[in-house]
Amino acid sequence: MDFRSGDIFLTSSTSLVSRLIKIVLWKFKDPAPYSHIAGYVGNNKVIEALFSGVTLSLVDKLLRDKDDFMVVRMKGVSDDDRKRMADLARYREGVKYGFVKVGVLQLFDQITHTNFFTKNFSVTNRPYCSELWAGIYEDVLDYRINDVDPVSCEPDDWQDEVLKNPDKWERIDKSKTLC
């Protein structure tokens, strides 16, 4: 497949963490078949926020253990902006993972059906996966995914973004259709 920098991989697996994320998102908000986000940065590599931190990984490794995935591309993004997204993502490599955000603040947001906790109490620059790439899209393109502040962006916000704006996104590769 011919991926381009800034392409977004929405993935899901049968791991306990993936299942918990999908259950929490589904129970408190809306269907969430995807639990993880990574972004393509060139040379068959993605940048993703894992428990070990923001990491450069091979696409093959990312998809190896996934039972479902989809790759989307925002239409009309210039090559210069794609390069800027890849450079910004690589710059974030090595940053620690946002355990407090995803483990506590996101859960409170889900229970209250708001983005209040992540928006008002995020005191760290440690991202989780969907926040990392939502921040890159906002910084480079001045575009908010699903009109959500990047510090509150969840995997289902990426899914909703693609569903609501088919004129702005194209599906590059997929193993399953969105809900």
C-alpha atoms as a PDB file:
ATOM      1  CA  MET A   1       0.000   0.000   0.000  1.00  0.00           C
ATOM      2  CA  ASP A   2       1.184   3.512  -0.744  1.00  0.00           C
ATOM      3  CA  PHE A   3       0.940   5.265   2.619  1.00  0.00           C
ATOM      4  CA  ARG A   4       1.758   8.956   3.041  1.00  0.00           C
ATOM      5  CA  SER A   5       2.963  10.859   6.088  1.00  0.00           C
ATOM      6  CA  GLY A   6       0.014  11.846   8.240  1.00  0.00           C
ATOM      7  CA  ASP A   7      -2.111   8.824   7.287  1.00  0.00           C
ATOM      8  CA  ILE A   8      -3.888   7.586  10.398  1.00  0.00           C
ATOM      9  CA  PHE A   9      -4.102   3.936  11.430  1.00  0.00           C
ATOM     10  CA  LEU A  10      -7.140   3.099  13.574  1.00  0.00           C
ATOM     11  CA  THR A  11      -6.567  -0.326  15.119  1.00  0.00           C
ATOM     12  CA  SER A  12      -8.065  -2.835  17.491  1.00  0.00           C
ATOM     13  CA  SER A  13      -6.945  -6.111  18.987  1.00  0.00           C
ATOM     14  CA  THR A  14      -8.184  -8.787  21.335  1.00  0.00           C
ATOM     15  CA  SER A  15      -5.790  -7.694  24.103  1.00  0.00           C
ATOM     16  CA  LEU A  16      -7.207  -6.876  27.529  1.00  0.00           C
ATOM     17  CA  VAL A  17      -6.260  -3.194  27.211  1.00  0.00           C
ATOM     18  CA  SER A  18      -7.930  -2.879  23.803  1.00  0.00           C
ATOM     19  CA  ARG A  19     -11.068  -4.585  25.086  1.00  0.00           C
ATOM     20  CA  LEU A  20     -11.236  -2.322  28.154  1.00  0.00           C
ATOM     21  CA  ILE A  21     -10.869   0.831  26.049  1.00  0.00           C
ATOM     22  CA  LYS A  22     -13.636  -0.298  23.690  1.00  0.00           C
ATOM     23  CA  ILE A  23     -15.933  -1.248  26.590  1.00  0.00           C
ATOM     24  CA  VAL A  24     -15.476   2.102  28.329  1.00  0.00           C
ATOM     25  CA  LEU A  25     -15.974   4.086  25.115  1.00  0.00           C
ATOM     26  CA  TRP A  26     -18.977   1.973  24.093  1.00  0.00           C
ATOM     27  CA  LYS A  27     -20.649   1.938  27.500  1.00  0.00           C
ATOM     28  CA  PHE A  28     -20.425   5.622  28.216  1.00  0.00           C
ATOM     29  CA  LYS A  29     -20.474   7.237  24.788  1.00  0.00           C
ATOM     30  CA  ASP A  30     -20.878   5.498  21.454  1.00  0.00           C
ATOM     31  CA  PRO A  31     -19.671   2.467  19.504  1.00  0.00           C
ATOM     32  CA  ALA A  32     -15.902   2.252  19.336  1.00  0.00           C
ATOM     33  CA  PRO A  33     -14.538  -0.598  17.233  1.00  0.00           C
ATOM     34  CA  TYR A  34     -11.054   0.938  17.368  1.00  0.00           C
ATOM     35  CA  SER A  35      -8.992   1.401  20.497  1.00  0.00           C
ATOM     36  CA  HIS A  36      -5.645   2.679  19.198  1.00  0.00           C
ATOM     37  CA  ILE A  37      -4.351   5.363  16.827  1.00  0.00           C
ATOM     38  CA  ALA A  38      -0.971   5.583  15.092  1.00  0.00           C
ATOM     39  CA  GLY A  39       0.258   7.890  12.343  1.00  0.00           C
ATOM     40  CA  TYR A  40       2.437   7.152   9.328  1.00  0.00           C
ATOM     41  CA  VAL A  41       5.754   9.041   9.142  1.00  0.00           C
ATOM     42  CA  GLY A  42       7.396   7.437   6.091  1.00  0.00           C
ATOM     43  CA  ASN A  43       9.697   4.503   5.332  1.00  0.00           C
ATOM     44  CA  ASN A  44       7.070   1.931   6.405  1.00  0.00           C
ATOM     45  CA  LYS A  45       7.045   3.410   9.940  1.00  0.00           C
ATOM     46  CA  VAL A  46       4.457   4.879  12.298  1.00  0.00           C
ATOM     47  CA  ILE A  47       4.674   6.925  15.469  1.00  0.00           C
ATOM     48  CA  GLU A  48       2.370   5.729  18.223  1.00  0.00           C
ATOM     49  CA  ALA A  49       1.910   6.390  21.939  1.00  0.00           C
ATOM     50  CA  LEU A  50       2.261   3.114  23.823  1.00  0.00           C
ATOM     51  CA  PHE A  51       2.580   2.400  27.545  1.00  0.00           C
ATOM     52  CA  SER A  52       6.343   2.451  26.959  1.00  0.00           C
ATOM     53  CA  GLY A  53       6.071   5.998  25.528  1.00  0.00           C
ATOM     54  CA  VAL A  54       5.893   7.616  22.108  1.00  0.00           C
ATOM     55  CA  THR A  55       7.532   5.052  19.835  1.00  0.00           C
ATOM     56  CA  LEU A  56       8.639   4.648  16.239  1.00  0.00           C
ATOM     57  CA  SER A  57       7.375   1.268  14.955  1.00  0.00           C
ATOM     58  CA  LEU A  58       7.200  -0.627  11.693  1.00  0.00           C
ATOM     59  CA  VAL A  59       3.762  -0.761  10.055  1.00  0.00           C
ATOM     60  CA  ASP A  60       4.056  -4.569   9.915  1.00  0.00           C
ATOM     61  CA  LYS A  61       4.659  -4.697  13.679  1.00  0.00           C
ATOM     62  CA  LEU A  62       1.726  -2.363  14.349  1.00  0.00           C
ATOM     63  CA  LEU A  63      -0.680  -4.523  12.361  1.00  0.00           C
ATOM     64  CA  ARG A  64       0.733  -7.940  13.293  1.00  0.00           C
ATOM     65  CA  ASP A  65      -1.430  -8.520  16.363  1.00  0.00           C
ATOM     66  CA  LYS A  66      -4.457  -6.487  15.334  1.00  0.00           C
ATOM     67  CA  ASP A  67      -7.764  -8.138  14.588  1.00  0.00           C
ATOM     68  CA  ASP A  68      -9.108  -5.016  12.913  1.00  0.00           C
ATOM     69  CA  PHE A  69      -7.684  -1.862  11.377  1.00  0.00           C
ATOM     70  CA  MET A  70      -8.440   0.975   9.007  1.00  0.00           C
ATOM     71  CA  VAL A  71      -6.154   3.584   7.467  1.00  0.00           C
ATOM     72  CA  VAL A  72      -7.523   7.024   6.610  1.00  0.00           C
ATOM     73  CA  ARG A  73      -6.024  10.017   4.847  1.00  0.00           C
ATOM     74  CA  MET A  74      -7.124  13.623   5.046  1.00  0.00           C
ATOM     75  CA  LYS A  75      -7.729  14.973   1.552  1.00  0.00           C
ATOM     76  CA  GLY A  76      -5.984  18.075   0.278  1.00  0.00           C
ATOM     77  CA  VAL A  77      -3.004  18.066   2.654  1.00  0.00           C
ATOM     78  CA  SER A  78       0.136  19.396   0.970  1.00  0.00           C
ATOM     79  CA  ASP A  79       3.389  17.446   0.849  1.00  0.00           C
ATOM     80  CA  ASP A  80       5.006  20.186   2.971  1.00  0.00           C
ATOM     81  CA  ASP A  81       2.355  19.795   5.673  1.00  0.00           C
ATOM     82  CA  ARG A  82       2.713  15.999   5.552  1.00  0.00           C
ATOM     83  CA  LYS A  83       6.446  16.410   6.114  1.00  0.00           C
ATOM     84  CA  ARG A  84       5.786  18.813   8.999  1.00  0.00           C
ATOM     85  CA  MET A  85       3.422  16.269  10.598  1.00  0.00           C
ATOM     86  CA  ALA A  86       6.033  13.509  10.304  1.00  0.00           C
ATOM     87  CA  ASP A  87       8.768  15.774  11.699  1.00  0.00           C
ATOM     88  CA  LEU A  88       6.603  16.844  14.646  1.00  0.00           C
ATOM     89  CA  ALA A  89       5.682  13.216  15.388  1.00  0.00           C
ATOM     90  CA  ARG A  90       9.337  12.155  15.300  1.00  0.00           C
ATOM     91  CA  TYR A  91      10.188  15.057  17.614  1.00  0.00           C
ATOM     92  CA  ARG A  92       7.734  13.614  20.173  1.00  0.00           C
ATOM     93  CA  GLU A  93       9.436  10.186  20.062  1.00  0.00           C
ATOM     94  CA  GLY A  94      10.565   9.150  23.536  1.00  0.00           C
ATOM     95  CA  VAL A  95       7.991  11.245  25.424  1.00  0.00           C
ATOM     96  CA  LYS A  96       6.393   9.239  28.231  1.00  0.00           C
ATOM     97  CA  TYR A  97       2.825   7.934  27.992  1.00  0.00           C
ATOM     98  CA  GLY A  98      -0.124   9.821  29.578  1.00  0.00           C
ATOM     99  CA  PHE A  99      -1.247   7.195  32.103  1.00  0.00           C
ATOM    100  CA  VAL A 100      -3.085   9.699  34.329  1.00  0.00           C
ATOM    101  CA  LYS A 101      -4.975  11.175  31.389  1.00  0.00           C
ATOM    102  CA  VAL A 102      -6.109   7.893  29.907  1.00  0.00           C
ATOM    103  CA  GLY A 103      -6.551   6.009  33.180  1.00  0.00           C
ATOM    104  CA  VAL A 104      -8.323   8.596  35.313  1.00  0.00           C
ATOM    105  CA  LEU A 105      -9.320  11.765  33.468  1.00  0.00           C
ATOM    106  CA  GLN A 106     -10.692  10.007  30.373  1.00  0.00           C
ATOM    107  CA  LEU A 107     -12.723   7.661  32.552  1.00  0.00           C
ATOM    108  CA  PHE A 108     -14.298  10.610  34.398  1.00  0.00           C
ATOM    109  CA  ASP A 109     -15.026  12.272  31.048  1.00  0.00           C
ATOM    110  CA  GLN A 110     -16.790   9.120  29.852  1.00  0.00           C
ATOM    111  CA  ILE A 111     -18.892   8.827  33.000  1.00  0.00           C
ATOM    112  CA  THR A 112     -19.972  12.494  32.842  1.00  0.00           C
ATOM    113  CA  HIS A 113     -20.332  12.591  29.019  1.00  0.00           C
ATOM    114  CA  THR A 114     -18.056  15.640  28.879  1.00  0.00           C
ATOM    115  CA  ASN A 115     -14.452  16.582  28.142  1.00  0.00           C
ATOM    116  CA  PHE A 116     -14.315  18.579  31.375  1.00  0.00           C
ATOM    117  CA  PHE A 117     -11.689  16.551  33.223  1.00  0.00           C
ATOM    118  CA  THR A 118      -9.131  16.111  30.428  1.00  0.00           C
ATOM    119  CA  LYS A 119      -9.582  19.713  29.314  1.00  0.00           C
ATOM    120  CA  ASN A 120      -9.243  21.267  32.773  1.00  0.00           C
ATOM    121  CA  PHE A 121      -6.958  18.919  34.688  1.00  0.00           C
ATOM    122  CA  SER A 122      -4.379  17.771  32.125  1.00  0.00           C
ATOM    123  CA  VAL A 123      -1.224  19.044  33.756  1.00  0.00           C
ATOM    124  CA  THR A 124       1.233  16.995  31.751  1.00  0.00           C
ATOM    125  CA  ASN A 125       2.457  16.928  28.183  1.00  0.00           C
ATOM    126  CA  ARG A 126       2.487  13.120  28.231  1.00  0.00           C
ATOM    127  CA  PRO A 127       0.122  12.051  25.459  1.00  0.00           C
ATOM    128  CA  TYR A 128      -1.932   8.972  24.799  1.00  0.00           C
ATOM    129  CA  CYS A 129      -2.341   7.704  21.230  1.00  0.00           C
ATOM    130  CA  SER A 130      -5.320   9.660  19.899  1.00  0.00           C
ATOM    131  CA  GLU A 131      -4.267  12.850  21.677  1.00  0.00           C
ATOM    132  CA  LEU A 132      -0.789  12.675  20.117  1.00  0.00           C
ATOM    133  CA  TRP A 133      -2.076  12.700  16.542  1.00  0.00           C
ATOM    134  CA  ALA A 134      -4.986  15.091  17.229  1.00  0.00           C
ATOM    135  CA  GLY A 135      -2.391  17.546  18.552  1.00  0.00           C
ATOM    136  CA  ILE A 136      -0.232  17.109  15.461  1.00  0.00           C
ATOM    137  CA  TYR A 137      -3.208  17.776  13.163  1.00  0.00           C
ATOM    138  CA  GLU A 138      -4.111  20.883  15.160  1.00  0.00           C
ATOM    139  CA  ASP A 139      -0.518  22.182  15.303  1.00  0.00           C
ATOM    140  CA  VAL A 140       0.239  21.653  11.608  1.00  0.00           C
ATOM    141  CA  LEU A 141      -3.146  22.070   9.899  1.00  0.00           C
ATOM    142  CA  ASP A 142      -5.024  24.133  12.511  1.00  0.00           C
ATOM    143  CA  TYR A 143      -7.697  21.415  12.343  1.00  0.00           C
ATOM    144  CA  ARG A 144      -9.528  19.871  15.303  1.00  0.00           C
ATOM    145  CA  ILE A 145     -10.476  16.227  14.999  1.00  0.00           C
ATOM    146  CA  ASN A 146     -14.237  15.925  15.563  1.00  0.00           C
ATOM    147  CA  ASP A 147     -14.161  19.518  16.932  1.00  0.00           C
ATOM    148  CA  VAL A 148     -12.562  18.175  20.126  1.00  0.00           C
ATOM    149  CA  ASP A 149      -9.644  19.697  22.017  1.00  0.00           C
ATOM    150  CA  PRO A 150      -6.652  17.397  21.355  1.00  0.00           C
ATOM    151  CA  VAL A 151      -6.146  16.756  25.099  1.00  0.00           C
ATOM    152  CA  SER A 152      -9.641  15.212  25.156  1.00  0.00           C
ATOM    153  CA  CYS A 153      -9.501  13.364  21.833  1.00  0.00           C
ATOM    154  CA  GLU A 154     -10.257   9.631  21.996  1.00  0.00           C
ATOM    155  CA  PRO A 155     -10.073   6.870  19.370  1.00  0.00           C
ATOM    156  CA  ASP A 156     -13.830   7.114  18.797  1.00  0.00           C
ATOM    157  CA  ASP A 157     -13.442  10.835  18.000  1.00  0.00           C
ATOM    158  CA  TRP A 158     -11.230   9.866  15.059  1.00  0.00           C
ATOM    159  CA  GLN A 159     -13.863   7.371  13.935  1.00  0.00           C
ATOM    160  CA  ASP A 160     -16.626   9.995  14.276  1.00  0.00           C
ATOM    161  CA  GLU A 161     -14.516  12.534  12.364  1.00  0.00           C
ATOM    162  CA  VAL A 162     -14.183  10.219   9.378  1.00  0.00           C
ATOM    163  CA  LEU A 163     -17.889   9.309   9.417  1.00  0.00           C
ATOM    164  CA  LYS A 164     -19.085  12.928   9.722  1.00  0.00           C
ATOM    165  CA  ASN A 165     -16.728  14.329   7.087  1.00  0.00           C
ATOM    166  CA  PRO A 166     -16.414  11.898   4.168  1.00  0.00           C
ATOM    167  CA  ASP A 167     -15.623  14.859   1.919  1.00  0.00           C
ATOM    168  CA  LYS A 168     -12.438  15.501   3.962  1.00  0.00           C
ATOM    169  CA  TRP A 169     -11.233  11.909   4.451  1.00  0.00           C
ATOM    170  CA  GLU A 170     -10.572   8.891   2.297  1.00  0.00           C
ATOM    171  CA  ARG A 171     -10.191   5.318   3.454  1.00  0.00           C
ATOM    172  CA  ILE A 172      -6.872   3.965   2.245  1.00  0.00           C
ATOM    173  CA  ASP A 173      -6.968   0.424   3.594  1.00  0.00           C
ATOM    174  CA  LYS A 174      -9.360  -1.375   5.851  1.00  0.00           C
ATOM    175  CA  SER A 175     -10.264  -4.751   7.166  1.00  0.00           C
ATOM    176  CA  LYS A 176     -13.722  -3.764   8.394  1.00  0.00           C
ATOM    177  CA  THR A 177     -16.325  -1.045   7.879  1.00  0.00           C
ATOM    178  CA  LEU A 178     -16.929   1.617  10.501  1.00  0.00           C
ATOM    179  CA  CYS A 179     -20.113   1.454  12.590  1.00  0.00           C
END
